[in-house]
N, C-alpha and C. Protein backbone atom coordinates (compact mmCIF):
# COMPACT_ATOMS: atom_id res chain seq x y z
N UNK A 1 39.99 102.29 109.13
CA UNK A 1 40.14 101.74 110.44
C UNK A 1 38.76 101.38 110.99
N UNK A 2 38.64 100.24 111.63
CA UNK A 2 37.38 99.77 112.20
C UNK A 2 37.18 100.46 113.55
N UNK A 3 35.97 100.95 113.79
CA UNK A 3 35.69 101.67 115.03
C UNK A 3 35.76 100.73 116.24
N UNK A 4 35.18 99.56 116.13
CA UNK A 4 35.20 98.58 117.22
C UNK A 4 36.00 97.37 116.76
N UNK A 5 37.29 97.48 116.82
CA UNK A 5 38.15 96.39 116.37
C UNK A 5 37.94 95.17 117.26
N UNK A 6 37.89 93.96 116.68
CA UNK A 6 37.64 92.76 117.47
C UNK A 6 38.79 92.42 118.42
N UNK A 7 39.99 92.69 118.02
CA UNK A 7 41.14 92.42 118.88
C UNK A 7 41.88 93.73 119.12
N UNK A 8 42.15 93.99 120.37
CA UNK A 8 42.87 95.20 120.72
C UNK A 8 44.29 94.83 121.12
N UNK A 9 45.25 95.40 120.44
CA UNK A 9 46.66 95.14 120.72
C UNK A 9 47.25 96.39 121.35
N UNK A 10 47.78 96.26 122.57
CA UNK A 10 48.34 97.44 123.20
C UNK A 10 49.52 97.99 122.41
N UNK A 11 49.56 99.29 122.26
CA UNK A 11 50.65 99.92 121.52
C UNK A 11 51.91 99.99 122.37
N UNK A 12 51.75 99.89 123.67
CA UNK A 12 52.88 100.00 124.57
C UNK A 12 52.93 98.80 125.51
N UNK A 13 54.12 98.26 125.76
CA UNK A 13 54.24 97.14 126.69
C UNK A 13 54.35 97.60 128.15
N UNK A 14 54.16 98.88 128.41
CA UNK A 14 54.38 99.41 129.76
C UNK A 14 53.52 98.75 130.84
N UNK A 15 52.20 98.51 130.62
CA UNK A 15 51.43 97.86 131.69
C UNK A 15 51.98 96.48 132.06
N UNK A 16 52.37 95.72 131.06
CA UNK A 16 52.94 94.40 131.31
C UNK A 16 54.27 94.53 132.04
N UNK A 17 55.10 95.48 131.61
CA UNK A 17 56.39 95.68 132.25
C UNK A 17 56.22 96.12 133.70
N UNK A 18 55.22 96.94 133.98
CA UNK A 18 54.96 97.39 135.34
C UNK A 18 54.54 96.22 136.22
N UNK A 19 53.69 95.34 135.70
CA UNK A 19 53.27 94.16 136.47
C UNK A 19 54.46 93.26 136.78
N UNK A 20 55.34 93.07 135.81
CA UNK A 20 56.53 92.25 136.03
C UNK A 20 57.45 92.91 137.05
N UNK A 21 57.59 94.22 136.98
CA UNK A 21 58.43 94.93 137.93
C UNK A 21 57.92 94.76 139.36
N UNK A 22 56.62 94.91 139.55
CA UNK A 22 56.05 94.74 140.89
C UNK A 22 56.26 93.32 141.37
N UNK A 23 56.05 92.35 140.49
CA UNK A 23 56.22 90.95 140.87
C UNK A 23 57.67 90.63 141.25
N UNK A 24 58.63 91.28 140.62
CA UNK A 24 60.03 91.01 140.90
C UNK A 24 60.57 91.81 142.08
N UNK A 25 60.00 92.97 142.35
CA UNK A 25 60.51 93.84 143.42
C UNK A 25 59.86 93.51 144.76
N UNK A 26 58.65 92.99 144.77
CA UNK A 26 57.93 92.74 146.01
C UNK A 26 58.65 91.78 146.96
N UNK A 27 59.15 90.63 146.52
CA UNK A 27 59.82 89.72 147.47
C UNK A 27 61.03 90.35 148.18
N UNK A 28 61.92 91.05 147.47
CA UNK A 28 63.04 91.68 148.21
C UNK A 28 62.56 92.75 149.19
N UNK A 29 61.50 93.48 148.84
CA UNK A 29 60.97 94.49 149.76
C UNK A 29 60.40 93.84 151.03
N UNK A 30 59.69 92.74 150.87
CA UNK A 30 59.16 92.03 152.03
C UNK A 30 60.31 91.47 152.87
N UNK A 31 61.32 90.92 152.23
CA UNK A 31 62.48 90.41 152.97
C UNK A 31 63.19 91.54 153.72
N UNK A 32 63.30 92.70 153.12
CA UNK A 32 63.92 93.85 153.78
C UNK A 32 63.10 94.28 154.99
N UNK A 33 61.76 94.32 154.84
CA UNK A 33 60.89 94.70 155.96
C UNK A 33 61.00 93.71 157.11
N UNK A 34 61.12 92.43 156.81
CA UNK A 34 61.30 91.43 157.86
C UNK A 34 62.65 91.61 158.53
N UNK A 35 63.68 91.84 157.74
CA UNK A 35 65.02 92.04 158.28
C UNK A 35 65.12 93.24 159.20
N UNK A 36 64.40 94.31 158.88
CA UNK A 36 64.41 95.52 159.70
C UNK A 36 63.49 95.41 160.91
N UNK A 37 62.66 94.37 160.95
CA UNK A 37 61.74 94.20 162.07
C UNK A 37 60.43 94.93 161.89
N UNK A 38 60.18 95.48 160.73
CA UNK A 38 58.93 96.19 160.47
C UNK A 38 57.77 95.23 160.27
N UNK A 39 58.08 94.01 159.92
CA UNK A 39 57.06 93.01 159.61
C UNK A 39 57.50 91.70 160.24
N UNK A 40 56.61 91.04 160.97
CA UNK A 40 56.95 89.76 161.58
C UNK A 40 57.13 88.71 160.50
N UNK A 41 58.00 87.77 160.77
CA UNK A 41 58.31 86.73 159.78
C UNK A 41 57.06 85.92 159.44
N UNK A 42 56.24 85.60 160.44
CA UNK A 42 55.02 84.83 160.17
C UNK A 42 54.05 85.61 159.31
N UNK A 43 53.92 86.91 159.58
CA UNK A 43 53.02 87.75 158.78
C UNK A 43 53.52 87.86 157.34
N UNK A 44 54.83 88.02 157.18
CA UNK A 44 55.41 88.12 155.84
C UNK A 44 55.19 86.83 155.07
N UNK A 45 55.35 85.71 155.74
CA UNK A 45 55.14 84.42 155.08
C UNK A 45 53.69 84.28 154.63
N UNK A 46 52.76 84.68 155.50
CA UNK A 46 51.35 84.59 155.15
C UNK A 46 51.01 85.50 153.98
N UNK A 47 51.45 86.75 154.05
CA UNK A 47 51.16 87.72 152.98
C UNK A 47 51.76 87.25 151.66
N UNK A 48 53.00 86.79 151.70
CA UNK A 48 53.68 86.35 150.48
C UNK A 48 52.98 85.12 149.89
N UNK A 49 52.61 84.18 150.75
CA UNK A 49 51.95 82.97 150.26
C UNK A 49 50.59 83.30 149.64
N UNK A 50 49.83 84.15 150.30
CA UNK A 50 48.53 84.53 149.74
C UNK A 50 48.68 85.28 148.42
N UNK A 51 49.64 86.20 148.36
CA UNK A 51 49.86 86.94 147.12
C UNK A 51 50.33 86.01 146.00
N UNK A 52 51.20 85.07 146.35
CA UNK A 52 51.72 84.14 145.34
C UNK A 52 50.63 83.22 144.80
N UNK A 53 49.59 82.99 145.58
CA UNK A 53 48.50 82.12 145.14
C UNK A 53 47.41 82.91 144.43
N UNK A 54 46.96 83.99 145.05
CA UNK A 54 45.78 84.71 144.56
C UNK A 54 46.07 85.56 143.33
N UNK A 55 47.18 86.29 143.32
CA UNK A 55 47.45 87.21 142.21
C UNK A 55 47.59 86.50 140.86
N UNK A 56 48.35 85.42 140.73
CA UNK A 56 48.40 84.75 139.41
C UNK A 56 47.06 84.18 138.97
N UNK A 57 46.28 83.67 139.93
CA UNK A 57 44.96 83.12 139.57
C UNK A 57 44.06 84.23 139.05
N UNK A 58 44.00 85.35 139.77
CA UNK A 58 43.16 86.46 139.35
C UNK A 58 43.61 87.03 138.01
N UNK A 59 44.92 87.17 137.82
CA UNK A 59 45.43 87.69 136.56
C UNK A 59 45.13 86.73 135.41
N UNK A 60 45.29 85.45 135.64
CA UNK A 60 44.98 84.46 134.61
C UNK A 60 43.52 84.47 134.22
N UNK A 61 42.64 84.60 135.20
CA UNK A 61 41.21 84.67 134.90
C UNK A 61 40.86 85.93 134.11
N UNK A 62 41.47 87.05 134.50
CA UNK A 62 41.22 88.31 133.79
C UNK A 62 41.69 88.21 132.34
N UNK A 63 42.88 87.69 132.13
CA UNK A 63 43.41 87.56 130.77
C UNK A 63 42.58 86.58 129.94
N UNK A 64 42.17 85.49 130.55
CA UNK A 64 41.36 84.50 129.84
C UNK A 64 40.02 85.09 129.42
N UNK A 65 39.40 85.86 130.30
CA UNK A 65 38.13 86.50 129.97
C UNK A 65 38.30 87.50 128.82
N UNK A 66 39.36 88.29 128.85
CA UNK A 66 39.60 89.25 127.77
C UNK A 66 39.83 88.54 126.44
N UNK A 67 40.59 87.44 126.45
CA UNK A 67 40.85 86.69 125.22
C UNK A 67 39.57 86.08 124.66
N UNK A 68 38.76 85.50 125.53
CA UNK A 68 37.54 84.86 125.04
C UNK A 68 36.56 85.90 124.49
N UNK A 69 36.49 87.06 125.11
CA UNK A 69 35.63 88.12 124.57
C UNK A 69 36.14 88.60 123.22
N UNK A 70 37.45 88.75 123.09
CA UNK A 70 38.02 89.19 121.82
C UNK A 70 37.79 88.15 120.73
N UNK A 71 37.95 86.87 121.07
CA UNK A 71 37.70 85.83 120.07
C UNK A 71 36.23 85.77 119.68
N UNK A 72 35.33 86.00 120.61
CA UNK A 72 33.90 86.01 120.28
C UNK A 72 33.58 87.16 119.34
N UNK A 73 34.17 88.34 119.59
CA UNK A 73 33.95 89.48 118.69
C UNK A 73 34.52 89.18 117.31
N UNK A 74 35.68 88.58 117.26
CA UNK A 74 36.30 88.24 115.99
C UNK A 74 35.47 87.19 115.25
N UNK A 75 34.99 86.19 115.99
CA UNK A 75 34.17 85.14 115.38
C UNK A 75 32.87 85.66 114.81
N UNK A 76 32.35 86.72 115.40
CA UNK A 76 31.11 87.31 114.89
C UNK A 76 31.34 88.07 113.59
N UNK A 77 32.55 88.47 113.33
CA UNK A 77 32.87 89.27 112.14
C UNK A 77 33.23 88.39 110.94
N UNK A 78 33.98 87.34 111.17
CA UNK A 78 34.47 86.53 110.06
C UNK A 78 33.35 85.62 109.54
N UNK A 79 33.51 85.11 108.31
CA UNK A 79 32.49 84.22 107.75
C UNK A 79 32.35 82.93 108.56
N UNK A 80 31.18 82.29 108.44
CA UNK A 80 30.92 81.05 109.17
C UNK A 80 31.86 79.91 108.77
N UNK A 81 32.43 79.98 107.59
CA UNK A 81 33.38 78.94 107.17
C UNK A 81 34.70 79.04 107.94
N UNK A 82 34.94 80.20 108.55
CA UNK A 82 36.19 80.40 109.32
C UNK A 82 35.95 80.15 110.79
N UNK A 83 34.90 80.71 111.36
CA UNK A 83 34.61 80.56 112.78
C UNK A 83 33.13 80.72 113.04
N UNK A 84 32.63 79.98 114.01
CA UNK A 84 31.23 80.06 114.41
C UNK A 84 31.20 80.32 115.91
N UNK A 85 30.47 81.34 116.32
CA UNK A 85 30.33 81.64 117.74
C UNK A 85 29.11 80.91 118.25
N UNK A 86 29.26 80.13 119.30
CA UNK A 86 28.13 79.35 119.86
C UNK A 86 27.63 79.97 121.11
């Protein structure tokens, strides 16, 4: 086994499943809070819109950075005929 493997594959899908769960449960919870009067409709709209815009962008950037780092590590290991890191 390589000590510093170039690509790390999670053994468990739990972190991904947790992120999906939060993404799917949040809108009904916000709707419930608005319905009960705990949260103003305008505030809920603002929070939901900001979350819907910012969270996917931040997650996409984080995933892209992790992939590019993993590919750079992999490219440094394989022969130059397969990949070259610039």
